[in-house]
Amino acid sequence: MYLLRARLVGIGPFEDVSFPFCDEEGRARLVTVIHGGGGVGKTSLLAAISATRPGHSVVQQVRPPLLKSERDEAEPDETLPRVVCDWALGQDDPTRPHALSVATPTSRVHGDDELEAFRRREQAMFDRQAREGGFALLALPSTRWFSRQPIAIHAPAQSVARYDVRATAALDDATRSDLARETKQALAYAAIGAALARAGSERGRAFDALGDAMRSVVDALASLSGFSYLGLDAFSLEPIFAGSGGRTLPFDALPTRARHLVAFGALPVRMLWAAYPARDPRESEGVVLIDEIDVHQDPGVQGVLVAALRSALPRVQWLVTTTSPAVAGSSDTRSVLALRRLPEFDRVQLFIGSEARTH
């Protein structure tokens, strides 16, 4: 599943803006960098996408009231915030020839009643299908942090090995953004599952592929900050890393920048495998949203991070936001969307491609 387009109406600072996530031929771009300063709606955009997808479409928060003159002129449903996202289903439905439009509940996409009724039936059908698995999407907030706590794995089938398509992303709630336990569980379960599978308990799930993918992806990203992933400590089950001088460190002792990089690898791999347990996560399609990807990263890492993500999981569609010119400058011009609040406009403006570089 890949995102092709998103239209936001009355969401955050956006009056009515359409965001393209595909090329001129309609194929999904596998990297999009959304660049802009604070308060231009980067988090609002990712939250809207996360809340408007197959299997999970929810009502958007009501924006500030319109002026009386605007209320008088608007149609009844035009005062309500809404999102429409077009998804290419790819591996989730290889025979489907056109995109699936998912919209905020109660909102319309087509003016024709018959077309709109058909679209809603399609959306409802895929909502039911998504609950059986697939349709992988992960959102990582800018408020992410890492507490120090021992690893704990309980009922894997209901936790680390399960993908819930209806899970809501908390992109602006720091109290729900502690990624330490999830990251350590993903690392530990991949290693334990792979070891048990070699003893003959794979049960139709690609545990070997999960273990190999977790090790290679996490090691590639951790290396950006000078660390390598060694695996689990046999005594404590804590993930262990080695620094450039050969000193070994548990996950909790890594610098903050390194823990972020490890999470960028471990959590998508876990999500992809949980959504498609019979596949190698490195061969699975999915969408990963990362808000403020540059947080805590050195300028040198910012310039290579997007390329490293793309190389580590080449079939994932990465949608990342940033305030960093280094991150935006490291990406192809066609992959950059710039959000700017210009003095002559009240609302945020979208600039694409070469215009994104000059505004």
Protein backbone atom coordinates (compact mmCIF):
# COMPACT_ATOMS: atom_id res chain seq x y z
CA MET A 1 0.00 0.00 0.00
CA TYR A 2 1.28 3.44 -0.98
CA LEU A 3 -0.15 6.94 -0.66
CA LEU A 4 -0.73 8.81 -3.93
CA ARG A 5 -2.52 12.00 -2.89
CA ALA A 6 -3.98 13.70 0.17
CA ARG A 7 -6.43 16.58 0.24
CA LEU A 8 -6.92 18.46 3.51
CA VAL A 9 -9.82 20.87 3.99
CA GLY A 10 -10.04 22.91 7.17
CA ILE A 11 -7.30 20.90 8.89
CA GLY A 12 -4.87 22.87 11.04
CA PRO A 13 -3.57 25.83 8.99
CA PHE A 14 -4.80 24.39 5.67
CA GLU A 15 -7.86 25.94 4.00
CA ASP A 16 -8.00 23.50 1.07
CA VAL A 17 -4.67 22.00 0.00
CA SER A 18 -3.90 18.92 -2.12
CA PHE A 19 -0.57 17.18 -1.52
CA PRO A 20 0.90 14.98 -4.29
CA PHE A 21 2.85 11.89 -3.25
CA CYS A 22 3.21 10.46 -6.75
CA ASP A 23 5.19 11.32 -9.88
CA GLU A 24 3.88 12.71 -13.17
CA GLU A 25 2.87 9.21 -14.29
CA GLY A 26 0.84 8.56 -11.15
CA ARG A 27 3.30 6.20 -9.45
CA ALA A 28 3.89 6.62 -5.76
CA ARG A 29 7.13 8.38 -4.74
CA LEU A 30 8.92 6.26 -2.19
CA VAL A 31 10.42 9.31 -0.46
CA THR A 32 8.74 12.62 0.28
CA VAL A 33 10.33 15.26 2.49
CA ILE A 34 7.92 17.87 3.89
CA HIS A 35 10.02 20.88 4.80
CA GLY A 36 8.97 23.93 6.82
CA GLY A 37 9.33 25.83 10.07
CA GLY A 38 7.23 25.52 13.20
CA GLY A 39 3.50 26.03 12.98
CA VAL A 40 3.07 25.37 9.26
CA GLY A 41 1.08 22.14 9.70
CA LYS A 42 3.63 19.36 9.21
CA THR A 43 2.31 17.34 12.15
CA SER A 44 -1.29 18.08 11.16
CA LEU A 45 -0.60 16.65 7.70
CA LEU A 46 0.89 13.39 9.02
CA ALA A 47 -1.89 13.01 11.58
CA ALA A 48 -4.55 13.50 8.89
CA ILE A 49 -2.93 10.87 6.65
CA SER A 50 -2.63 8.42 9.53
CA ALA A 51 -6.34 8.90 10.33
CA THR A 52 -7.56 8.43 6.72
CA ARG A 53 -6.44 5.06 5.42
CA PRO A 54 -7.90 1.62 4.71
CA GLY A 55 -9.11 0.18 8.00
CA HIS A 56 -8.85 3.43 9.94
CA SER A 57 -10.83 6.51 8.98
CA VAL A 58 -11.96 8.83 11.78
CA VAL A 59 -13.61 12.21 12.11
CA GLN A 60 -11.16 15.11 12.18
CA GLN A 61 -11.00 17.69 14.94
CA VAL A 62 -13.10 20.77 14.30
CA ARG A 63 -11.05 23.79 13.31
CA PRO A 64 -11.60 27.28 14.79
CA PRO A 65 -15.02 28.71 13.81
CA LEU A 66 -15.33 30.49 10.50
CA LEU A 67 -16.11 34.19 10.43
CA LYS A 68 -19.85 34.95 10.33
CA SER A 69 -19.58 36.12 6.72
CA GLU A 70 -17.90 32.84 5.79
CA ARG A 71 -20.52 30.78 7.64
CA ASP A 72 -23.29 32.56 5.79
CA GLU A 73 -21.75 31.76 2.40
CA ALA A 74 -20.60 28.19 3.08
CA GLU A 75 -22.57 25.05 2.42
CA PRO A 76 -23.40 23.07 5.61
CA ASP A 77 -20.68 20.43 5.12
CA GLU A 78 -18.02 22.94 4.03
CA THR A 79 -17.51 24.13 7.61
CA LEU A 80 -16.42 20.63 8.72
CA PRO A 81 -12.77 19.56 8.42
CA ARG A 82 -12.22 16.61 6.12
CA VAL A 83 -9.48 14.58 4.50
CA VAL A 84 -9.44 12.53 1.30
CA CYS A 85 -6.51 10.20 0.64
CA ASP A 86 -5.95 8.13 -2.51
CA TRP A 87 -4.13 4.85 -1.91
CA ALA A 88 -2.51 2.47 -4.40
CA LEU A 89 -3.11 -0.90 -2.74
CA GLY A 90 -0.19 -2.71 -4.40
CA GLN A 91 0.60 -5.96 -2.59
CA ASP A 92 -2.64 -5.70 -0.60
CA ASP A 93 -4.69 -6.02 -3.81
CA PRO A 94 -2.38 -6.57 -6.83
CA THR A 95 -5.22 -6.85 -9.36
CA ARG A 96 -6.84 -3.52 -8.51
CA PRO A 97 -6.36 -1.15 -11.50
CA HIS A 98 -7.11 2.16 -9.76
CA ALA A 99 -6.58 3.92 -6.46
CA LEU A 100 -8.84 3.55 -3.43
CA SER A 101 -10.22 6.86 -2.12
CA VAL A 102 -10.60 6.94 1.65
CA ALA A 103 -12.37 9.94 3.14
CA THR A 104 -13.30 11.29 6.54
CA PRO A 105 -16.62 9.73 7.65
CA THR A 106 -19.73 11.66 6.45
CA SER A 107 -17.73 13.67 3.87
CA ARG A 108 -18.21 13.43 0.10
CA VAL A 109 -15.63 12.88 -2.63
CA HIS A 110 -17.88 12.76 -5.72
CA GLY A 111 -20.73 15.07 -6.56
CA ASP A 112 -22.62 12.26 -8.28
CA ASP A 113 -24.69 10.29 -5.76
CA GLU A 114 -24.18 6.95 -7.49
CA LEU A 115 -20.40 7.33 -7.69
CA GLU A 116 -20.23 8.45 -4.07
CA ALA A 117 -22.34 5.51 -2.89
CA PHE A 118 -20.03 3.13 -4.78
CA ARG A 119 -16.93 4.77 -3.26
CA ARG A 120 -18.34 4.43 0.26
CA ARG A 121 -19.15 0.76 -0.29
CA GLU A 122 -15.60 0.19 -1.53
CA GLN A 123 -14.13 1.97 1.48
CA ALA A 124 -16.28 -0.09 3.85
CA MET A 125 -15.25 -3.32 2.10
CA PHE A 126 -11.55 -2.57 2.43
CA ASP A 127 -12.02 -1.44 6.04
CA ARG A 128 -13.27 -4.95 6.80
CA GLN A 129 -10.50 -6.56 4.76
CA ALA A 130 -7.81 -4.53 6.53
CA ARG A 131 -8.76 -6.02 9.87
CA GLU A 132 -7.52 -9.39 8.63
CA GLY A 133 -3.98 -8.07 8.09
CA GLY A 134 -1.86 -5.98 5.75
CA PHE A 135 -2.32 -2.29 4.86
CA ALA A 136 0.80 -1.43 6.85
CA LEU A 137 1.33 2.11 8.16
CA LEU A 138 3.48 3.38 11.02
CA ALA A 139 3.65 6.93 12.38
CA LEU A 140 6.52 8.11 14.63
CA PRO A 141 5.95 11.42 16.45
CA SER A 142 8.31 14.34 16.86
CA THR A 143 7.74 14.12 20.63
CA ARG A 144 9.39 10.66 20.76
CA TRP A 145 11.58 9.90 23.75
CA PHE A 146 13.20 6.89 25.41
CA SER A 147 12.85 6.00 29.07
CA ARG A 148 15.17 3.61 30.88
CA GLN A 149 13.32 0.41 31.72
CA PRO A 150 14.04 -3.32 31.61
CA ILE A 151 12.78 -5.30 28.68
CA ALA A 152 9.47 -7.12 29.08
CA ILE A 153 7.82 -9.41 26.53
CA HIS A 154 4.33 -10.61 27.37
CA ALA A 155 1.86 -12.49 25.13
CA PRO A 156 3.63 -11.73 21.80
CA ALA A 157 0.58 -12.71 19.75
CA GLN A 158 -1.31 -9.83 21.35
CA SER A 159 1.50 -7.30 21.44
CA VAL A 160 4.81 -7.23 19.56
CA ALA A 161 3.76 -9.79 16.91
CA ARG A 162 0.39 -8.15 16.21
CA TYR A 163 -0.38 -5.33 13.78
CA ASP A 164 -3.57 -3.39 14.56
CA VAL A 165 -4.62 -1.37 11.52
CA ARG A 166 -7.06 0.61 13.69
CA ALA A 167 -4.39 1.89 16.08
CA THR A 168 -4.43 5.68 16.33
CA ALA A 169 -1.13 7.52 16.07
CA ALA A 170 -0.49 10.02 18.88
CA LEU A 171 1.66 12.49 16.98
CA ASP A 172 1.26 15.38 19.42
CA ASP A 173 1.01 13.62 22.79
CA ALA A 174 4.40 13.27 24.48
CA THR A 175 2.94 11.10 27.25
CA ARG A 176 2.33 8.38 24.63
CA SER A 177 5.59 8.84 22.72
CA ASP A 178 7.97 6.76 24.83
CA LEU A 179 9.40 4.35 22.23
CA ALA A 180 11.88 2.54 24.47
CA ARG A 181 9.77 -0.51 25.33
CA GLU A 182 8.43 -0.96 21.79
CA THR A 183 11.90 -0.69 20.27
CA LYS A 184 13.51 -3.12 22.70
CA GLN A 185 10.63 -5.58 22.34
CA ALA A 186 10.96 -5.50 18.56
CA LEU A 187 14.70 -6.19 18.73
CA ALA A 188 14.34 -8.96 21.30
CA TYR A 189 11.39 -10.72 19.69
CA ALA A 190 13.08 -10.77 16.29
CA ALA A 191 16.16 -12.49 17.72
CA ILE A 192 14.19 -14.90 19.93
CA GLY A 193 11.69 -15.75 17.21
CA ALA A 194 14.46 -16.47 14.70
CA ALA A 195 16.27 -18.72 17.17
CA LEU A 196 13.11 -20.68 17.99
CA ALA A 197 12.22 -21.01 14.31
CA ARG A 198 15.53 -22.73 13.67
CA ALA A 199 14.41 -25.34 16.21
CA GLY A 200 11.34 -26.07 14.07
CA SER A 201 8.60 -23.76 15.43
CA GLU A 202 8.19 -21.32 12.55
CA ARG A 203 4.50 -22.17 11.94
CA GLY A 204 4.22 -20.44 8.59
CA ARG A 205 5.75 -17.18 9.75
CA ALA A 206 9.03 -15.91 8.32
CA PHE A 207 10.91 -15.67 11.62
CA ASP A 208 14.28 -16.20 9.94
CA ALA A 209 13.55 -13.31 7.59
CA LEU A 210 12.42 -11.18 10.54
CA GLY A 211 15.66 -11.85 12.40
CA ASP A 212 17.86 -11.18 9.37
CA ALA A 213 15.95 -8.03 8.43
CA MET A 214 16.02 -6.65 11.96
CA ARG A 215 19.74 -7.16 12.30
CA SER A 216 20.68 -5.72 8.89
CA VAL A 217 18.32 -2.71 8.99
CA VAL A 218 19.11 -1.72 12.57
CA ASP A 219 22.85 -2.19 12.06
CA ALA A 220 22.79 -0.02 8.92
CA LEU A 221 21.03 2.85 10.69
CA ALA A 222 22.95 2.57 13.96
CA SER A 223 26.19 2.80 11.98
CA LEU A 224 25.30 6.38 11.03
CA SER A 225 26.07 7.33 14.65
CA GLY A 226 29.11 5.08 14.97
CA PHE A 227 27.53 1.97 16.51
CA SER A 228 26.89 -1.58 15.36
CA TYR A 229 24.15 -3.95 16.51
CA LEU A 230 25.49 -7.14 18.11
CA GLY A 231 22.24 -8.84 19.14
CA LEU A 232 20.81 -9.78 22.54
CA ASP A 233 22.64 -10.28 25.80
CA ALA A 234 21.99 -13.92 26.74
CA PHE A 235 21.65 -13.09 30.44
CA SER A 236 19.39 -10.01 30.39
CA LEU A 237 17.88 -10.23 26.86
CA GLU A 238 18.78 -6.54 26.45
CA PRO A 239 19.85 -5.43 22.95
CA ILE A 240 23.60 -4.85 22.83
CA PHE A 241 25.56 -2.49 20.60
CA ALA A 242 29.27 -1.89 20.01
CA GLY A 243 30.91 1.51 19.67
CA SER A 244 33.81 2.45 17.45
CA GLY A 245 36.31 1.62 20.19
CA GLY A 246 34.91 -1.88 20.70
CA ARG A 247 33.09 -1.02 23.94
CA THR A 248 29.69 -2.74 24.24
CA LEU A 249 26.62 -0.84 25.39
CA PRO A 250 23.00 -1.81 26.09
CA PHE A 251 20.28 0.08 24.25
CA ASP A 252 19.56 2.27 27.30
CA ALA A 253 23.16 3.50 27.36
CA LEU A 254 23.26 4.59 23.72
CA PRO A 255 23.34 8.33 22.98
CA THR A 256 19.92 9.80 22.27
CA ARG A 257 20.69 10.27 18.57
CA ALA A 258 21.55 6.56 18.23
CA ARG A 259 18.38 5.40 19.98
CA HIS A 260 16.31 7.43 17.52
CA LEU A 261 18.12 5.79 14.60
CA VAL A 262 17.60 2.31 16.04
CA ALA A 263 13.88 3.00 16.46
CA PHE A 264 13.67 4.22 12.83
CA GLY A 265 14.80 0.74 11.79
CA ALA A 266 13.37 -1.61 14.42
CA LEU A 267 9.79 -0.33 14.54
CA PRO A 268 9.13 -0.36 10.76
CA VAL A 269 10.63 -3.87 10.46
CA ARG A 270 8.40 -5.13 13.28
CA MET A 271 5.33 -3.46 11.77
CA LEU A 272 5.96 -4.87 8.29
CA TRP A 273 6.50 -8.39 9.57
CA ALA A 274 3.45 -8.27 11.85
CA ALA A 275 1.29 -7.05 8.93
CA TYR A 276 2.77 -9.60 6.48
CA PRO A 277 4.20 -12.44 8.63
CA ALA A 278 4.95 -14.75 5.72
CA ARG A 279 7.19 -12.21 3.93
CA ASP A 280 10.65 -10.80 4.41
CA PRO A 281 10.06 -7.27 5.78
CA ARG A 282 12.63 -5.94 3.32
CA GLU A 283 10.34 -7.05 0.47
CA SER A 284 7.08 -5.73 1.94
CA GLU A 285 5.29 -2.53 1.01
CA GLY A 286 4.14 -0.07 3.64
CA VAL A 287 4.06 3.58 4.63
CA VAL A 288 6.18 5.07 7.41
CA LEU A 289 5.55 8.63 8.63
CA ILE A 290 8.30 10.28 10.72
CA ASP A 291 7.65 13.72 12.17
CA GLU A 292 10.72 15.98 12.53
CA ILE A 293 13.17 13.32 11.43
CA ASP A 294 16.14 15.60 12.16
CA VAL A 295 15.50 15.84 15.92
CA HIS A 296 18.72 15.10 17.90
CA GLN A 297 20.69 14.21 14.74
CA ASP A 298 24.03 15.78 13.83
CA PRO A 299 24.13 17.81 10.58
CA GLY A 300 26.28 15.15 8.94
CA VAL A 301 23.71 12.45 9.69
CA GLN A 302 20.83 14.67 8.59
CA GLY A 303 22.32 14.84 5.11
CA VAL A 304 22.42 11.04 4.64
CA LEU A 305 19.54 9.82 6.81
CA VAL A 306 16.79 9.74 4.17
CA ALA A 307 19.03 7.85 1.74
CA ALA A 308 19.93 5.36 4.50
CA LEU A 309 16.26 4.69 5.26
CA ARG A 310 15.52 4.22 1.57
CA SER A 311 18.41 1.77 1.22
CA ALA A 312 17.56 -0.21 4.36
CA LEU A 313 13.88 -0.76 3.47
CA PRO A 314 13.64 -0.10 -0.28
CA ARG A 315 9.95 -0.97 -0.70
CA VAL A 316 8.71 1.31 2.07
CA GLN A 317 7.22 4.70 1.26
CA TRP A 318 8.84 7.23 3.60
CA LEU A 319 6.99 10.47 4.37
CA VAL A 320 9.13 12.59 6.67
CA THR A 321 8.87 16.13 7.97
CA THR A 322 11.78 18.35 8.88
CA THR A 323 12.91 21.88 9.65
CA SER A 324 16.43 21.02 8.51
CA PRO A 325 17.76 22.40 5.20
CA ALA A 326 20.29 19.54 5.26
CA VAL A 327 17.54 16.90 5.14
CA ALA A 328 15.60 18.73 2.43
CA GLY A 329 18.74 19.48 0.43
CA SER A 330 19.81 15.82 0.44
CA SER A 331 16.65 14.74 -1.38
CA ASP A 332 15.69 14.92 -5.03
CA THR A 333 14.00 18.21 -5.86
CA ARG A 334 10.88 16.37 -7.04
CA SER A 335 10.57 14.72 -3.62
CA VAL A 336 10.42 17.92 -1.55
CA LEU A 337 7.20 19.65 -0.49
CA ALA A 338 7.74 23.00 1.24
CA LEU A 339 5.19 24.56 3.57
CA ARG A 340 5.52 28.30 4.09
CA ARG A 341 3.38 30.92 5.82
CA LEU A 342 3.90 33.98 3.61
CA PRO A 343 3.22 37.51 4.95
CA GLU A 344 0.56 38.24 2.32
CA PHE A 345 -1.47 35.10 3.11
CA ASP A 346 -3.27 34.02 6.29
CA ARG A 347 -3.03 30.35 5.45
CA VAL A 348 -0.01 28.13 4.80
CA GLN A 349 1.04 27.77 1.16
CA LEU A 350 2.42 24.61 -0.49
CA PHE A 351 5.41 24.76 -2.85
CA ILE A 352 6.51 21.76 -4.91
CA GLY A 353 9.73 20.75 -6.65
CA SER A 354 11.96 23.65 -7.74
CA GLU A 355 9.64 26.16 -6.06
CA ALA A 356 10.17 24.31 -2.79
CA ARG A 357 13.90 25.16 -3.04
CA THR A 358 13.34 28.87 -3.65
CA HIS A 359 10.65 29.60 -1.04
